[in-house]
Structures are given as structure tokens and as C-alpha cells.
Amino acid sequence: MRHFYRTHSSPADVLVVADRFFATLDLSLASSTARTRAFSGALGAMKLSVRAEGGHYTFVEVATDQMGESRLDRNVKKFFVELHKADDPSHTLEASY
């Protein structure tokens, strides 16, 4: 599956958060460049890439080797929440019902 997210954080900051977050899931770093990371482990494999977009946005794209809503895909969405928290630490998540 492919997931994407736009953030106000710099690409370097996104990669720092990604390295820390995915290491806690026992995913090992398979390869890395200045703008990409590839992780693999028991949950599956994924590739994360970041690029500057529109001046003040960073576009984060994650592609997993999983079908449907796997545990890895759910953790990618949790990673996006971590990025959101890094952008706005005072924001609290609330139910909208």
C-alpha cells in the first residue's frame, strides 16, 4: 500500500522521527540515502521518501509490501500522527462524534 502525508517539518526532521519511530517496531534499516529510508522486519518491508513541496511543505510518501490494512500500515499511520505531534505539540486529538 502507498500512504502519503504533508507536514511543515523539514525533510531532515522527518527522517529523524522516522528512524526513531520505526526502530521501536523492531524494523531494521535496510538502506538509506539523504531523502529515503527502507526498513524491513517481521511486519514486512517499507520504503519512506521525503521531498520539499510547495515551499513550506514536506511531502512524505511510504510504500509497504503489504496488502490491505496490515499492522505495518497501521503503524505508518501512527507515524504520521507522530509527525503531526512534532508540528504542533499543543494539539490534542479528540473524537469527532
PDB file of N, CA and C in Angstrom:
ATOM      1  N   MET A   1       0.839  -1.176   0.000  1.00  0.00           N
ATOM      2  CA  MET A   1       0.000   0.000   0.000  1.00  0.00           C
ATOM      3  C   MET A   1       0.878   1.231   0.000  1.00  0.00           C
ATOM      4  N   ARG A   2       0.319   2.308  -0.511  1.00  0.00           N
ATOM      5  CA  ARG A   2       1.023   3.582  -0.516  1.00  0.00           C
ATOM      6  C   ARG A   2       0.265   4.571   0.351  1.00  0.00           C
ATOM      7  N   HIS A   3       1.011   5.283   1.159  1.00  0.00           N
ATOM      8  CA  HIS A   3       0.453   6.299   2.042  1.00  0.00           C
ATOM      9  C   HIS A   3       1.236   7.590   1.824  1.00  0.00           C
ATOM     10  N   PHE A   4       0.571   8.729   2.040  1.00  0.00           N
ATOM     11  CA  PHE A   4       1.303   9.987   1.958  1.00  0.00           C
ATOM     12  C   PHE A   4       0.793  10.951   3.009  1.00  0.00           C
ATOM     13  N   TYR A   5       1.639  11.933   3.314  1.00  0.00           N
ATOM     14  CA  TYR A   5       1.329  12.927   4.336  1.00  0.00           C
ATOM     15  C   TYR A   5       2.120  14.189   4.013  1.00  0.00           C
ATOM     16  N   ARG A   6       1.525  15.340   4.236  1.00  0.00           N
ATOM     17  CA  ARG A   6       2.223  16.610   4.086  1.00  0.00           C
ATOM     18  C   ARG A   6       2.426  17.214   5.470  1.00  0.00           C
ATOM     19  N   THR A   7       3.631  17.700   5.711  1.00  0.00           N
ATOM     20  CA  THR A   7       3.969  18.252   7.015  1.00  0.00           C
ATOM     21  C   THR A   7       4.735  19.555   6.846  1.00  0.00           C
ATOM     22  N   HIS A   8       4.794  20.328   7.921  1.00  0.00           N
ATOM     23  CA  HIS A   8       5.571  21.562   7.928  1.00  0.00           C
ATOM     24  C   HIS A   8       7.002  21.315   8.381  1.00  0.00           C
ATOM     25  N   SER A   9       7.299  20.136   8.887  1.00  0.00           N
ATOM     26  CA  SER A   9       8.661  19.802   9.325  1.00  0.00           C
ATOM     27  C   SER A   9       9.593  19.707   8.127  1.00  0.00           C
ATOM     28  N   SER A  10      10.868  19.926   8.371  1.00  0.00           N
ATOM     29  CA  SER A  10      11.849  19.809   7.293  1.00  0.00           C
ATOM     30  C   SER A  10      12.064  18.329   6.958  1.00  0.00           C
ATOM     31  N   PRO A  11      12.537  18.030   5.749  1.00  0.00           N
ATOM     32  CA  PRO A  11      12.810  16.630   5.398  1.00  0.00           C
ATOM     33  C   PRO A  11      13.778  15.948   6.376  1.00  0.00           C
ATOM     34  N   ALA A  12      14.788  16.670   6.836  1.00  0.00           N
ATOM     35  CA  ALA A  12      15.746  16.083   7.785  1.00  0.00           C
ATOM     36  C   ALA A  12      15.065  15.734   9.103  1.00  0.00           C
ATOM     37  N   ASP A  13      14.165  16.597   9.577  1.00  0.00           N
ATOM     38  CA  ASP A  13      13.444  16.323  10.824  1.00  0.00           C
ATOM     39  C   ASP A  13      12.527  15.114  10.675  1.00  0.00           C
ATOM     40  N   VAL A  14      11.896  14.969   9.508  1.00  0.00           N
ATOM     41  CA  VAL A  14      11.017  13.819   9.265  1.00  0.00           C
ATOM     42  C   VAL A  14      11.824  12.529   9.327  1.00  0.00           C
ATOM     43  N   LEU A  15      13.007  12.534   8.747  1.00  0.00           N
ATOM     44  CA  LEU A  15      13.836  11.328   8.750  1.00  0.00           C
ATOM     45  C   LEU A  15      14.328  10.980  10.150  1.00  0.00           C
ATOM     46  N   VAL A  16      14.583  11.972  10.968  1.00  0.00           N
ATOM     47  CA  VAL A  16      14.991  11.714  12.359  1.00  0.00           C
ATOM     48  C   VAL A  16      13.841  11.045  13.113  1.00  0.00           C
ATOM     49  N   VAL A  17      12.630  11.564  12.946  1.00  0.00           N
ATOM     50  CA  VAL A  17      11.457  10.972  13.603  1.00  0.00           C
ATOM     51  C   VAL A  17      11.234   9.552  13.079  1.00  0.00           C
ATOM     52  N   ALA A  18      11.403   9.340  11.778  1.00  0.00           N
ATOM     53  CA  ALA A  18      11.205   8.013  11.180  1.00  0.00           C
ATOM     54  C   ALA A  18      12.216   7.011  11.724  1.00  0.00           C
ATOM     55  N   ASP A  19      13.471   7.401  11.804  1.00  0.00           N
ATOM     56  CA  ASP A  19      14.495   6.495  12.322  1.00  0.00           C
ATOM     57  C   ASP A  19      14.176   6.065  13.748  1.00  0.00           C
ATOM     58  N   ARG A  20      13.733   7.010  14.566  1.00  0.00           N
ATOM     59  CA  ARG A  20      13.412   6.711  15.960  1.00  0.00           C
ATOM     60  C   ARG A  20      12.136   5.871  16.061  1.00  0.00           C
ATOM     61  N   PHE A  21      11.087   6.226  15.306  1.00  0.00           N
ATOM     62  CA  PHE A  21       9.797   5.550  15.405  1.00  0.00           C
ATOM     63  C   PHE A  21       9.871   4.103  14.918  1.00  0.00           C
ATOM     64  N   PHE A  22      10.442   3.870  13.751  1.00  0.00           N
ATOM     65  CA  PHE A  22      10.437   2.530  13.181  1.00  0.00           C
ATOM     66  C   PHE A  22      11.428   1.597  13.863  1.00  0.00           C
ATOM     67  N   ALA A  23      12.420   2.152  14.542  1.00  0.00           N
ATOM     68  CA  ALA A  23      13.337   1.305  15.330  1.00  0.00           C
ATOM     69  C   ALA A  23      12.602   0.688  16.511  1.00  0.00           C
ATOM     70  N   THR A  24      11.601   1.381  17.065  1.00  0.00           N
ATOM     71  CA  THR A  24      10.838   0.840  18.191  1.00  0.00           C
ATOM     72  C   THR A  24       9.941  -0.322  17.775  1.00  0.00           C
ATOM     73  N   LEU A  25       9.704  -0.484  16.469  1.00  0.00           N
ATOM     74  CA  LEU A  25       8.872  -1.582  15.958  1.00  0.00           C
ATOM     75  C   LEU A  25       9.706  -2.796  15.560  1.00  0.00           C
ATOM     76  N   ASP A  26      10.978  -2.803  15.931  1.00  0.00           N
ATOM     77  CA  ASP A  26      11.911  -3.871  15.555  1.00  0.00           C
ATOM     78  C   ASP A  26      12.063  -4.004  14.050  1.00  0.00           C
ATOM     79  N   LEU A  27      11.958  -2.887  13.351  1.00  0.00           N
ATOM     80  CA  LEU A  27      12.244  -2.864  11.921  1.00  0.00           C
ATOM     81  C   LEU A  27      13.677  -2.375  11.755  1.00  0.00           C
ATOM     82  N   SER A  28      14.454  -3.106  10.984  1.00  0.00           N
ATOM     83  CA  SER A  28      15.842  -2.712  10.792  1.00  0.00           C
ATOM     84  C   SER A  28      15.978  -1.851   9.544  1.00  0.00           C
ATOM     85  N   LEU A  29      16.933  -0.954   9.589  1.00  0.00           N
ATOM     86  CA  LEU A  29      17.193  -0.066   8.462  1.00  0.00           C
ATOM     87  C   LEU A  29      17.912  -0.860   7.382  1.00  0.00           C
ATOM     88  N   ALA A  30      17.240  -1.046   6.252  1.00  0.00           N
ATOM     89  CA  ALA A  30      17.816  -1.836   5.161  1.00  0.00           C
ATOM     90  C   ALA A  30      18.706  -0.984   4.271  1.00  0.00           C
ATOM     91  N   SER A  31      18.303   0.257   4.011  1.00  0.00           N
ATOM     92  CA  SER A  31      19.118   1.181   3.223  1.00  0.00           C
ATOM     93  C   SER A  31      18.663   2.599   3.514  1.00  0.00           C
ATOM     94  N   SER A  32      19.562   3.531   3.234  1.00  0.00           N
ATOM     95  CA  SER A  32      19.206   4.929   3.456  1.00  0.00           C
ATOM     96  C   SER A  32      19.991   5.817   2.510  1.00  0.00           C
ATOM     97  N   THR A  33      19.364   6.912   2.135  1.00  0.00           N
ATOM     98  CA  THR A  33      20.017   7.976   1.381  1.00  0.00           C
ATOM     99  C   THR A  33      19.643   9.277   2.064  1.00  0.00           C
ATOM    100  N   ALA A  34      19.961  10.387   1.435  1.00  0.00           N
ATOM    101  CA  ALA A  34      19.654  11.680   2.031  1.00  0.00           C
ATOM    102  C   ALA A  34      18.155  11.929   2.131  1.00  0.00           C
ATOM    103  N   ARG A  35      17.352  11.303   1.269  1.00  0.00           N
ATOM    104  CA  ARG A  35      15.912  11.559   1.252  1.00  0.00           C
ATOM    105  C   ARG A  35      15.046  10.311   1.367  1.00  0.00           C
ATOM    106  N   THR A  36      15.638   9.142   1.550  1.00  0.00           N
ATOM    107  CA  THR A  36      14.843   7.916   1.637  1.00  0.00           C
ATOM    108  C   THR A  36      15.347   7.026   2.769  1.00  0.00           C
ATOM    109  N   ARG A  37      14.464   6.172   3.213  1.00  0.00           N
ATOM    110  CA  ARG A  37      14.798   5.121   4.175  1.00  0.00           C
ATOM    111  C   ARG A  37      14.035   3.873   3.756  1.00  0.00           C
ATOM    112  N   ALA A  38      14.654   2.731   3.901  1.00  0.00           N
ATOM    113  CA  ALA A  38      13.989   1.450   3.674  1.00  0.00           C
ATOM    114  C   ALA A  38      14.144   0.627   4.948  1.00  0.00           C
ATOM    115  N   PHE A  39      13.031   0.132   5.445  1.00  0.00           N
ATOM    116  CA  PHE A  39      13.010  -0.662   6.664  1.00  0.00           C
ATOM    117  C   PHE A  39      12.436  -2.032   6.357  1.00  0.00           C
ATOM    118  N   SER A  40      12.875  -3.043   7.093  1.00  0.00           N
ATOM    119  CA  SER A  40      12.294  -4.379   6.946  1.00  0.00           C
ATOM    120  C   SER A  40      12.337  -5.086   8.292  1.00  0.00           C
ATOM    121  N   GLY A  41      11.427  -6.040   8.444  1.00  0.00           N
ATOM    122  CA  GLY A  41      11.348  -6.797   9.686  1.00  0.00           C
ATOM    123  C   GLY A  41      10.209  -7.786   9.632  1.00  0.00           C
ATOM    124  N   ALA A  42       9.795  -8.252  10.796  1.00  0.00           N
ATOM    125  CA  ALA A  42       8.737  -9.257  10.879  1.00  0.00           C
ATOM    126  C   ALA A  42       7.397  -8.740  10.358  1.00  0.00           C
ATOM    127  N   LEU A  43       7.157  -7.432  10.455  1.00  0.00           N
ATOM    128  CA  LEU A  43       5.896  -6.855   9.975  1.00  0.00           C
ATOM    129  C   LEU A  43       5.857  -6.702   8.462  1.00  0.00           C
ATOM    130  N   GLY A  44       7.008  -6.708   7.814  1.00  0.00           N
ATOM    131  CA  GLY A  44       7.080  -6.525   6.367  1.00  0.00           C
ATOM    132  C   GLY A  44       8.185  -5.551   6.012  1.00  0.00           C
ATOM    133  N   ALA A  45       8.124  -5.060   4.790  1.00  0.00           N
ATOM    134  CA  ALA A  45       9.120  -4.111   4.306  1.00  0.00           C
ATOM    135  C   ALA A  45       8.424  -2.837   3.852  1.00  0.00           C
ATOM    136  N   MET A  46       9.141  -1.730   3.984  1.00  0.00           N
ATOM    137  CA  MET A  46       8.576  -0.458   3.576  1.00  0.00           C
ATOM    138  C   MET A  46       9.679   0.464   3.094  1.00  0.00           C
ATOM    139  N   LYS A  47       9.291   1.423   2.256  1.00  0.00           N
ATOM    140  CA  LYS A  47      10.217   2.441   1.781  1.00  0.00           C
ATOM    141  C   LYS A  47       9.590   3.800   2.034  1.00  0.00           C
ATOM    142  N   LEU A  48      10.333   4.681   2.675  1.00  0.00           N
ATOM    143  CA  LEU A  48       9.881   6.018   3.007  1.00  0.00           C
ATOM    144  C   LEU A  48      10.711   7.013   2.207  1.00  0.00           C
ATOM    145  N   SER A  49      10.052   7.977   1.598  1.00  0.00           N
ATOM    146  CA  SER A  49      10.773   9.034   0.888  1.00  0.00           C
ATOM    147  C   SER A  49      10.172  10.379   1.260  1.00  0.00           C
ATOM    148  N   VAL A  50      11.012  11.398   1.293  1.00  0.00           N
ATOM    149  CA  VAL A  50      10.576  12.757   1.607  1.00  0.00           C
ATOM    150  C   VAL A  50      11.093  13.700   0.534  1.00  0.00           C
ATOM    151  N   ARG A  51      10.316  14.751   0.277  1.00  0.00           N
ATOM    152  CA  ARG A  51      10.771  15.783  -0.653  1.00  0.00           C
ATOM    153  C   ARG A  51      10.083  17.098  -0.310  1.00  0.00           C
ATOM    154  N   ALA A  52      10.800  18.180  -0.549  1.00  0.00           N
ATOM    155  CA  ALA A  52      10.238  19.506  -0.329  1.00  0.00           C
ATOM    156  C   ALA A  52       9.168  19.747  -1.386  1.00  0.00           C
ATOM    157  N   GLU A  53       8.081  20.370  -0.958  1.00  0.00           N
ATOM    158  CA  GLU A  53       6.967  20.593  -1.886  1.00  0.00           C
ATOM    159  C   GLU A  53       6.301  21.924  -1.554  1.00  0.00           C
ATOM    160  N   GLY A  54       6.133  22.755  -2.539  1.00  0.00           N
ATOM    161  CA  GLY A  54       5.380  23.987  -2.350  1.00  0.00           C
ATOM    162  C   GLY A  54       6.019  24.985  -1.412  1.00  0.00           C
ATOM    163  N   GLY A  55       7.313  24.970  -1.275  1.00  0.00           N
ATOM    164  CA  GLY A  55       7.998  25.945  -0.448  1.00  0.00           C
ATOM    165  C   GLY A  55       8.074  25.583   1.016  1.00  0.00           C
ATOM    166  N   HIS A  56       6.949  25.482   1.705  1.00  0.00           N
ATOM    167  CA  HIS A  56       6.997  25.246   3.147  1.00  0.00           C
ATOM    168  C   HIS A  56       6.422  23.899   3.565  1.00  0.00           C
ATOM    169  N   TYR A  57       6.120  23.047   2.624  1.00  0.00           N
ATOM    170  CA  TYR A  57       5.625  21.706   2.942  1.00  0.00           C
ATOM    171  C   TYR A  57       6.683  20.661   2.628  1.00  0.00           C
ATOM    172  N   THR A  58       6.621  19.557   3.355  1.00  0.00           N
ATOM    173  CA  THR A  58       7.418  18.378   3.042  1.00  0.00           C
ATOM    174  C   THR A  58       6.444  17.252   2.743  1.00  0.00           C
ATOM    175  N   PHE A  59       6.607  16.626   1.595  1.00  0.00           N
ATOM    176  CA  PHE A  59       5.748  15.519   1.176  1.00  0.00           C
ATOM    177  C   PHE A  59       6.418  14.221   1.612  1.00  0.00           C
ATOM    178  N   VAL A  60       5.704  13.435   2.415  1.00  0.00           N
ATOM    179  CA  VAL A  60       6.216  12.160   2.927  1.00  0.00           C
ATOM    180  C   VAL A  60       5.416  11.050   2.262  1.00  0.00           C
ATOM    181  N   GLU A  61       6.103  10.133   1.604  1.00  0.00           N
ATOM    182  CA  GLU A  61       5.436   9.006   0.945  1.00  0.00           C
ATOM    183  C   GLU A  61       6.018   7.706   1.491  1.00  0.00           C
ATOM    184  N   VAL A  62       5.122   6.784   1.850  1.00  0.00           N
ATOM    185  CA  VAL A  62       5.538   5.487   2.371  1.00  0.00           C
ATOM    186  C   VAL A  62       4.863   4.404   1.546  1.00  0.00           C
ATOM    187  N   ALA A  63       5.643   3.470   1.052  1.00  0.00           N
ATOM    188  CA  ALA A  63       5.116   2.324   0.310  1.00  0.00           C
ATOM    189  C   ALA A  63       5.481   1.060   1.082  1.00  0.00           C
ATOM    190  N   THR A  64       4.466   0.233   1.382  1.00  0.00           N
ATOM    191  CA  THR A  64       4.701  -1.029   2.085  1.00  0.00           C
ATOM    192  C   THR A  64       4.473  -2.181   1.119  1.00  0.00           C
ATOM    193  N   ASP A  65       4.977  -3.355   1.489  1.00  0.00           N
ATOM    194  CA  ASP A  65       4.774  -4.538   0.657  1.00  0.00           C
ATOM    195  C   ASP A  65       3.548  -5.335   1.098  1.00  0.00           C
ATOM    196  N   GLN A  66       2.703  -4.726   1.909  1.00  0.00           N
ATOM    197  CA  GLN A  66       1.544  -5.413   2.471  1.00  0.00           C
ATOM    198  C   GLN A  66       0.278  -5.093   1.682  1.00  0.00           C
ATOM    199  N   MET A  67      -0.664  -6.020   1.732  1.00  0.00           N
ATOM    200  CA  MET A  67      -1.963  -5.824   1.090  1.00  0.00           C
ATOM    201  C   MET A  67      -2.980  -5.420   2.155  1.00  0.00           C
ATOM    202  N   GLY A  68      -3.863  -4.521   1.825  1.00  0.00           N
ATOM    203  CA  GLY A  68      -4.930  -4.157   2.756  1.00  0.00           C
ATOM    204  C   GLY A  68      -4.426  -3.416   3.970  1.00  0.00           C
ATOM    205  N   GLU A  69      -5.142  -3.548   5.056  1.00  0.00           N
ATOM    206  CA  GLU A  69      -4.836  -2.829   6.296  1.00  0.00           C
ATOM    207  C   GLU A  69      -4.025  -3.731   7.228  1.00  0.00           C
ATOM    208  N   SER A  70      -2.734  -3.805   7.009  1.00  0.00           N
ATOM    209  CA  SER A  70      -1.869  -4.656   7.815  1.00  0.00           C
ATOM    210  C   SER A  70      -1.395  -3.910   9.065  1.00  0.00           C
ATOM    211  N   ARG A  71      -0.717  -4.615   9.946  1.00  0.00           N
ATOM    212  CA  ARG A  71      -0.149  -3.981  11.138  1.00  0.00           C
ATOM    213  C   ARG A  71       0.888  -2.937  10.747  1.00  0.00           C
ATOM    214  N   LEU A  72       1.641  -3.212   9.698  1.00  0.00           N
ATOM    215  CA  LEU A  72       2.643  -2.243   9.254  1.00  0.00           C
ATOM    216  C   LEU A  72       1.954  -0.972   8.756  1.00  0.00           C
ATOM    217  N   ASP A  73       0.885  -1.115   8.002  1.00  0.00           N
ATOM    218  CA  ASP A  73       0.159   0.056   7.507  1.00  0.00           C
ATOM    219  C   ASP A  73      -0.428   0.877   8.651  1.00  0.00           C
ATOM    220  N   ARG A  74      -0.946   0.217   9.661  1.00  0.00           N
ATOM    221  CA  ARG A  74      -1.477   0.951  10.820  1.00  0.00           C
ATOM    222  C   ARG A  74      -0.368   1.696  11.548  1.00  0.00           C
ATOM    223  N   ASN A  75       0.812   1.099  11.606  1.00  0.00           N
ATOM    224  CA  ASN A  75       1.932   1.783  12.250  1.00  0.00           C
ATOM    225  C   ASN A  75       2.446   2.948  11.410  1.00  0.00           C
ATOM    226  N   VAL A  76       2.331   2.871  10.106  1.00  0.00           N
ATOM    227  CA  VAL A  76       2.676   4.014   9.256  1.00  0.00           C
ATOM    228  C   VAL A  76       1.743   5.181   9.584  1.00  0.00           C
ATOM    229  N   LYS A  77       0.465   4.891   9.769  1.00  0.00           N
ATOM    230  CA  LYS A  77      -0.485   5.949  10.135  1.00  0.00           C
ATOM    231  C   LYS A  77      -0.158   6.525  11.510  1.00  0.00           C
ATOM    232  N   LYS A  78       0.299   5.689  12.438  1.00  0.00           N
ATOM    233  CA  LYS A  78       0.729   6.185  13.750  1.00  0.00           C
ATOM    234  C   LYS A  78       1.962   7.079  13.607  1.00  0.00           C
ATOM    235  N   PHE A  79       2.832   6.731  12.661  1.00  0.00           N
ATOM    236  CA  PHE A  79       3.995   7.565  12.382  1.00  0.00           C
ATOM    237  C   PHE A  79       3.555   8.947  11.906  1.00  0.00           C
ATOM    238  N   PHE A  80       2.528   8.999  11.063  1.00  0.00           N
ATOM    239  CA  PHE A  80       2.016  10.288  10.607  1.00  0.00           C
ATOM    240  C   PHE A  80       1.451  11.102  11.771  1.00  0.00           C
ATOM    241  N   VAL A  81       0.849  10.448  12.746  1.00  0.00           N
ATOM    242  CA  VAL A  81       0.378  11.150  13.946  1.00  0.00           C
ATOM    243  C   VAL A  81       1.569  11.716  14.720  1.00  0.00           C
ATOM    244  N   GLU A  82       2.676  10.962  14.789  1.00  0.00           N
ATOM    245  CA  GLU A  82       3.878  11.464  15.447  1.00  0.00           C
ATOM    246  C   GLU A  82       4.407  12.709  14.738  1.00  0.00           C
ATOM    247  N   LEU A  83       4.351  12.719  13.406  1.00  0.00           N
ATOM    248  CA  LEU A  83       4.771  13.909  12.667  1.00  0.00           C
ATOM    249  C   LEU A  83       3.861  15.085  12.987  1.00  0.00           C
ATOM    250  N   HIS A  84       2.571  14.818  13.095  1.00  0.00           N
ATOM    251  CA  HIS A  84       1.615  15.874  13.430  1.00  0.00           C
ATOM    252  C   HIS A  84       1.903  16.429  14.825  1.00  0.00           C
ATOM    253  N   LYS A  85       2.208  15.552  15.770  1.00  0.00           N
ATOM    254  CA  LYS A  85       2.550  15.989  17.122  1.00  0.00           C
ATOM    255  C   LYS A  85       3.828  16.822  17.120  1.00  0.00           C
ATOM    256  N   ALA A  86       4.787  16.465  16.277  1.00  0.00           N
ATOM    257  CA  ALA A  86       6.035  17.222  16.196  1.00  0.00           C
ATOM    258  C   ALA A  86       5.776  18.625  15.638  1.00  0.00           C
ATOM    259  N   ASP A  87       4.841  18.751  14.703  1.00  0.00           N
ATOM    260  CA  ASP A  87       4.484  20.056  14.139  1.00  0.00           C
ATOM    261  C   ASP A  87       3.764  20.931  15.156  1.00  0.00           C
ATOM    262  N   ASP A  88       2.847  20.330  15.915  1.00  0.00           N
ATOM    263  CA  ASP A  88       2.016  21.086  16.850  1.00  0.00           C
ATOM    264  C   ASP A  88       1.888  20.320  18.163  1.00  0.00           C
ATOM    265  N   PRO A  89       2.866  20.466  19.069  1.00  0.00           N
ATOM    266  CA  PRO A  89       2.849  19.700  20.323  1.00  0.00           C
ATOM    267  C   PRO A  89       1.650  19.996  21.216  1.00  0.00           C
ATOM    268  N   SER A  90       1.044  21.163  21.066  1.00  0.00           N
ATOM    269  CA  SER A  90      -0.088  21.508  21.930  1.00  0.00           C
ATOM    270  C   SER A  90      -1.410  20.924  21.440  1.00  0.00           C
ATOM    271  N   HIS A  91      -1.442  20.377  20.238  1.00  0.00           N
ATOM    272  CA  HIS A  91      -2.681  19.839  19.679  1.00  0.00           C
ATOM    273  C   HIS A  91      -3.069  18.537  20.392  1.00  0.00           C
ATOM    274  N   THR A  92      -4.335  18.436  20.758  1.00  0.00           N
ATOM    275  CA  THR A  92      -4.834  17.200  21.354  1.00  0.00           C
ATOM    276  C   THR A  92      -5.828  16.557  20.408  1.00  0.00           C
ATOM    277  N   LEU A  93      -5.736  15.253  20.282  1.00  0.00           N
ATOM    278  CA  LEU A  93      -6.648  14.533  19.418  1.00  0.00           C
ATOM    279  C   LEU A  93      -7.947  14.288  20.165  1.00  0.00           C
ATOM    280  N   GLU A  94      -9.051  14.554  19.518  1.00  0.00           N
ATOM    281  CA  GLU A  94     -10.364  14.369  20.134  1.00  0.00           C
ATOM    282  C   GLU A  94     -11.269  13.606  19.178  1.00  0.00           C
ATOM    283  N   ALA A  95     -12.202  12.881  19.745  1.00  0.00           N
ATOM    284  CA  ALA A  95     -13.200  12.192  18.928  1.00  0.00           C
ATOM    285  C   ALA A  95     -14.123  13.232  18.292  1.00  0.00           C
ATOM    286  N   SER A  96     -14.553  12.972  17.083  1.00  0.00           N
ATOM    287  CA  SER A  96     -15.407  13.949  16.386  1.00  0.00           C
ATOM    288  C   SER A  96     -16.831  13.473  16.250  1.00  0.00           C
ATOM    289  N   TYR A  97     -17.322  12.709  17.198  1.00  0.00           N
ATOM    290  CA  TYR A  97     -18.695  12.221  17.137  1.00  0.00           C
ATOM    291  C   TYR A  97     -19.550  12.854  18.186  1.00  0.00           C
TER     292      TYR A  97
END
